[in-house]
Amino acid sequence: EVQLVESGGGLVQAGGSLRLSCVASGFAFDRYAIGWFRQAPGKEREGVSCMNDDGTTRYADTVKGRFTISSDNAKNRVYLQMNSLKPEDTAIYSCATAYCPTLQPTGVISKVGPAPWGQGTQVTVSS
């Protein structure tokens, strides 16, 4: 069964940091792009960051310079280090296999593949 499980969210003050973790199972993790997505209350889900199997990465403009995506293929994990957090970063964060356009500036980070969305992990940033 293809599955991705997120963890690491929490409550943090503005300016603080969190590190999210996504552990994958049921598929050849290192052959797929993995993306981090978030959905704030009343808003559509958006792609935040992604990493291709060749290590290339993409960030949404809203998080560029503050968030860093990384992976540990030996552990089937992808991480999202979030620094300088802002109240507008408050959302449920999820990971998924993704389309990760690193050569197309207008490309959109999108979920691909049959695995359903996981429960995600809540990130709350207080002002």
C-alpha atoms as a PDB file:
ATOM      1  CA  GLU A   1       0.000   0.000   0.000  1.00  0.00           C
ATOM      2  CA  VAL A   2       1.375   3.368  -1.034  1.00  0.00           C
ATOM      3  CA  GLN A   3       1.398   5.641   1.975  1.00  0.00           C
ATOM      4  CA  LEU A   4       2.952   8.911   3.111  1.00  0.00           C
ATOM      5  CA  VAL A   5       2.703  10.052   6.719  1.00  0.00           C
ATOM      6  CA  GLU A   6       3.507  13.531   7.956  1.00  0.00           C
ATOM      7  CA  SER A   7       4.681  14.654  11.370  1.00  0.00           C
ATOM      8  CA  GLY A   8       6.454  17.498  13.108  1.00  0.00           C
ATOM      9  CA  GLY A   9       3.840  20.212  13.158  1.00  0.00           C
ATOM     10  CA  GLY A  10       2.972  22.272  16.196  1.00  0.00           C
ATOM     11  CA  LEU A  11       2.399  25.713  17.657  1.00  0.00           C
ATOM     12  CA  VAL A  12       5.204  28.212  17.306  1.00  0.00           C
ATOM     13  CA  GLN A  13       5.582  31.954  17.647  1.00  0.00           C
ATOM     14  CA  ALA A  14       6.252  34.124  14.646  1.00  0.00           C
ATOM     15  CA  GLY A  15       9.921  33.992  13.764  1.00  0.00           C
ATOM     16  CA  GLY A  16      10.278  30.472  15.070  1.00  0.00           C
ATOM     17  CA  SER A  17      11.153  27.242  13.295  1.00  0.00           C
ATOM     18  CA  LEU A  18       9.701  23.803  12.754  1.00  0.00           C
ATOM     19  CA  ARG A  19      10.910  20.724  10.905  1.00  0.00           C
ATOM     20  CA  LEU A  20       8.305  18.585   9.207  1.00  0.00           C
ATOM     21  CA  SER A  21       8.925  14.971   8.299  1.00  0.00           C
ATOM     22  CA  CYS A  22       7.281  12.807   5.649  1.00  0.00           C
ATOM     23  CA  VAL A  23       7.881   9.063   5.696  1.00  0.00           C
ATOM     24  CA  ALA A  24       6.958   7.042   2.637  1.00  0.00           C
ATOM     25  CA  SER A  25       6.183   3.357   2.258  1.00  0.00           C
ATOM     26  CA  GLY A  26       4.889   0.994  -0.390  1.00  0.00           C
ATOM     27  CA  PHE A  27       6.770   2.389  -3.367  1.00  0.00           C
ATOM     28  CA  ALA A  28      10.265   3.128  -4.649  1.00  0.00           C
ATOM     29  CA  PHE A  29      10.583   6.418  -2.854  1.00  0.00           C
ATOM     30  CA  ASP A  30      13.799   7.577  -4.476  1.00  0.00           C
ATOM     31  CA  ARG A  31      12.325   7.351  -7.984  1.00  0.00           C
ATOM     32  CA  TYR A  32       9.619   9.940  -7.426  1.00  0.00           C
ATOM     33  CA  ALA A  33       9.368  13.630  -6.858  1.00  0.00           C
ATOM     34  CA  ILE A  34       7.924  14.457  -3.473  1.00  0.00           C
ATOM     35  CA  GLY A  35       6.109  17.665  -2.703  1.00  0.00           C
ATOM     36  CA  TRP A  36       4.959  19.497   0.397  1.00  0.00           C
ATOM     37  CA  PHE A  37       1.552  21.121   0.219  1.00  0.00           C
ATOM     38  CA  ARG A  38      -0.465  23.187   2.653  1.00  0.00           C
ATOM     39  CA  GLN A  39      -4.067  24.173   3.110  1.00  0.00           C
ATOM     40  CA  ALA A  40      -5.111  27.052   5.286  1.00  0.00           C
ATOM     41  CA  PRO A  41      -8.697  27.409   6.522  1.00  0.00           C
ATOM     42  CA  GLY A  42     -10.949  28.650   3.762  1.00  0.00           C
ATOM     43  CA  LYS A  43      -8.228  28.450   1.134  1.00  0.00           C
ATOM     44  CA  GLU A  44      -7.285  26.021  -1.574  1.00  0.00           C
ATOM     45  CA  ARG A  45      -4.403  23.635  -1.091  1.00  0.00           C
ATOM     46  CA  GLU A  46      -1.165  24.982  -2.540  1.00  0.00           C
ATOM     47  CA  GLY A  47       2.215  23.508  -3.349  1.00  0.00           C
ATOM     48  CA  VAL A  48       4.916  24.811  -1.032  1.00  0.00           C
ATOM     49  CA  SER A  49       8.024  22.960  -2.108  1.00  0.00           C
ATOM     50  CA  CYS A  50       9.117  19.859  -3.962  1.00  0.00           C
ATOM     51  CA  MET A  51      12.155  17.782  -4.762  1.00  0.00           C
ATOM     52  CA  ASN A  52      12.766  15.658  -7.840  1.00  0.00           C
ATOM     53  CA  ASP A  53      14.578  12.339  -7.797  1.00  0.00           C
ATOM     54  CA  ASP A  54      17.634  14.105  -9.188  1.00  0.00           C
ATOM     55  CA  GLY A  55      17.710  16.447  -6.193  1.00  0.00           C
ATOM     56  CA  THR A  56      16.456  19.556  -7.929  1.00  0.00           C
ATOM     57  CA  THR A  57      14.055  21.601  -5.866  1.00  0.00           C
ATOM     58  CA  ARG A  58      11.329  24.183  -6.250  1.00  0.00           C
ATOM     59  CA  TYR A  59       9.816  26.604  -3.759  1.00  0.00           C
ATOM     60  CA  ALA A  60       6.737  28.746  -3.797  1.00  0.00           C
ATOM     61  CA  ASP A  61       7.613  32.438  -3.804  1.00  0.00           C
ATOM     62  CA  THR A  62       5.936  32.859  -0.419  1.00  0.00           C
ATOM     63  CA  VAL A  63       8.415  30.532   1.298  1.00  0.00           C
ATOM     64  CA  LYS A  64      11.552  30.986  -0.768  1.00  0.00           C
ATOM     65  CA  GLY A  65      14.530  31.738   1.454  1.00  0.00           C
ATOM     66  CA  ARG A  66      12.738  30.529   4.583  1.00  0.00           C
ATOM     67  CA  PHE A  67      11.892  26.887   3.875  1.00  0.00           C
ATOM     68  CA  THR A  68      14.287  24.125   2.833  1.00  0.00           C
ATOM     69  CA  ILE A  69      13.324  20.707   1.517  1.00  0.00           C
ATOM     70  CA  SER A  70      15.653  17.750   1.932  1.00  0.00           C
ATOM     71  CA  SER A  71      15.537  13.983   1.795  1.00  0.00           C
ATOM     72  CA  ASP A  72      17.069  10.916   3.375  1.00  0.00           C
ATOM     73  CA  ASN A  73      16.545   8.163   0.853  1.00  0.00           C
ATOM     74  CA  ALA A  74      17.921   5.519   3.196  1.00  0.00           C
ATOM     75  CA  LYS A  75      15.070   6.315   5.567  1.00  0.00           C
ATOM     76  CA  ASN A  76      12.430   7.008   2.903  1.00  0.00           C
ATOM     77  CA  ARG A  77      11.951  10.448   4.408  1.00  0.00           C
ATOM     78  CA  VAL A  78      11.540  13.951   3.103  1.00  0.00           C
ATOM     79  CA  TYR A  79      11.877  16.916   5.422  1.00  0.00           C
ATOM     80  CA  LEU A  80      10.710  20.494   5.304  1.00  0.00           C
ATOM     81  CA  GLN A  81      12.742  22.842   7.480  1.00  0.00           C
ATOM     82  CA  MET A  82      10.688  25.961   8.095  1.00  0.00           C
ATOM     83  CA  ASN A  83      12.415  29.037   9.489  1.00  0.00           C
ATOM     84  CA  SER A  84      11.250  32.596  10.106  1.00  0.00           C
ATOM     85  CA  LEU A  85       7.692  31.381  10.314  1.00  0.00           C
ATOM     86  CA  LYS A  86       4.864  33.842   9.826  1.00  0.00           C
ATOM     87  CA  PRO A  87       1.227  33.702  10.918  1.00  0.00           C
ATOM     88  CA  GLU A  88       0.257  33.290   7.266  1.00  0.00           C
ATOM     89  CA  ASP A  89       2.163  29.990   7.226  1.00  0.00           C
ATOM     90  CA  THR A  90      -0.531  28.536   9.471  1.00  0.00           C
ATOM     91  CA  ALA A  91      -2.057  25.547   7.677  1.00  0.00           C
ATOM     92  CA  ILE A  92      -2.263  21.782   7.511  1.00  0.00           C
ATOM     93  CA  TYR A  93       0.854  20.548   5.738  1.00  0.00           C
ATOM     94  CA  SER A  94       0.835  17.360   3.684  1.00  0.00           C
ATOM     95  CA  CYS A  95       3.296  15.516   1.505  1.00  0.00           C
ATOM     96  CA  ALA A  96       2.611  13.604  -1.684  1.00  0.00           C
ATOM     97  CA  THR A  97       4.238  12.286  -4.809  1.00  0.00           C
ATOM     98  CA  ALA A  98       4.371  15.299  -7.031  1.00  0.00           C
ATOM     99  CA  TYR A  99       4.943  16.971 -10.336  1.00  0.00           C
ATOM    100  CA  CYS A 100       7.890  19.217  -9.521  1.00  0.00           C
ATOM    101  CA  PRO A 101       8.554  21.745 -12.289  1.00  0.00           C
ATOM    102  CA  THR A 102      12.024  23.112 -11.796  1.00  0.00           C
ATOM    103  CA  LEU A 103      12.612  24.286 -15.378  1.00  0.00           C
ATOM    104  CA  GLN A 104       9.264  25.976 -15.955  1.00  0.00           C
ATOM    105  CA  PRO A 105       8.921  29.169 -13.891  1.00  0.00           C
ATOM    106  CA  THR A 106       5.167  29.154 -14.321  1.00  0.00           C
ATOM    107  CA  GLY A 107       4.738  25.462 -13.562  1.00  0.00           C
ATOM    108  CA  VAL A 108       2.637  24.531 -10.590  1.00  0.00           C
ATOM    109  CA  ILE A 109       3.681  22.022  -7.947  1.00  0.00           C
ATOM    110  CA  SER A 110       0.958  19.389  -8.159  1.00  0.00           C
ATOM    111  CA  LYS A 111       0.088  16.108  -6.550  1.00  0.00           C
ATOM    112  CA  VAL A 112       0.349  13.106  -8.846  1.00  0.00           C
ATOM    113  CA  GLY A 113      -0.093   9.390  -8.306  1.00  0.00           C
ATOM    114  CA  PRO A 114      -2.773   7.226  -6.732  1.00  0.00           C
ATOM    115  CA  ALA A 115      -1.896   7.557  -3.064  1.00  0.00           C
ATOM    116  CA  PRO A 116      -4.586   9.461  -1.180  1.00  0.00           C
ATOM    117  CA  TRP A 117      -3.824  12.535   0.875  1.00  0.00           C
ATOM    118  CA  GLY A 118      -2.703  11.708   4.392  1.00  0.00           C
ATOM    119  CA  GLN A 119      -3.980  13.410   7.516  1.00  0.00           C
ATOM    120  CA  GLY A 120      -1.283  16.022   7.325  1.00  0.00           C
ATOM    121  CA  THR A 121       0.304  17.854  10.213  1.00  0.00           C
ATOM    122  CA  GLN A 122      -1.007  21.103  11.663  1.00  0.00           C
ATOM    123  CA  VAL A 123       1.298  24.097  11.781  1.00  0.00           C
ATOM    124  CA  THR A 124       0.084  27.092  13.768  1.00  0.00           C
ATOM    125  CA  VAL A 125       2.112  30.282  13.936  1.00  0.00           C
ATOM    126  CA  SER A 126       1.052  32.843  16.523  1.00  0.00           C
ATOM    127  CA  SER A 127       1.750  36.534  16.157  1.00  0.00           C
END
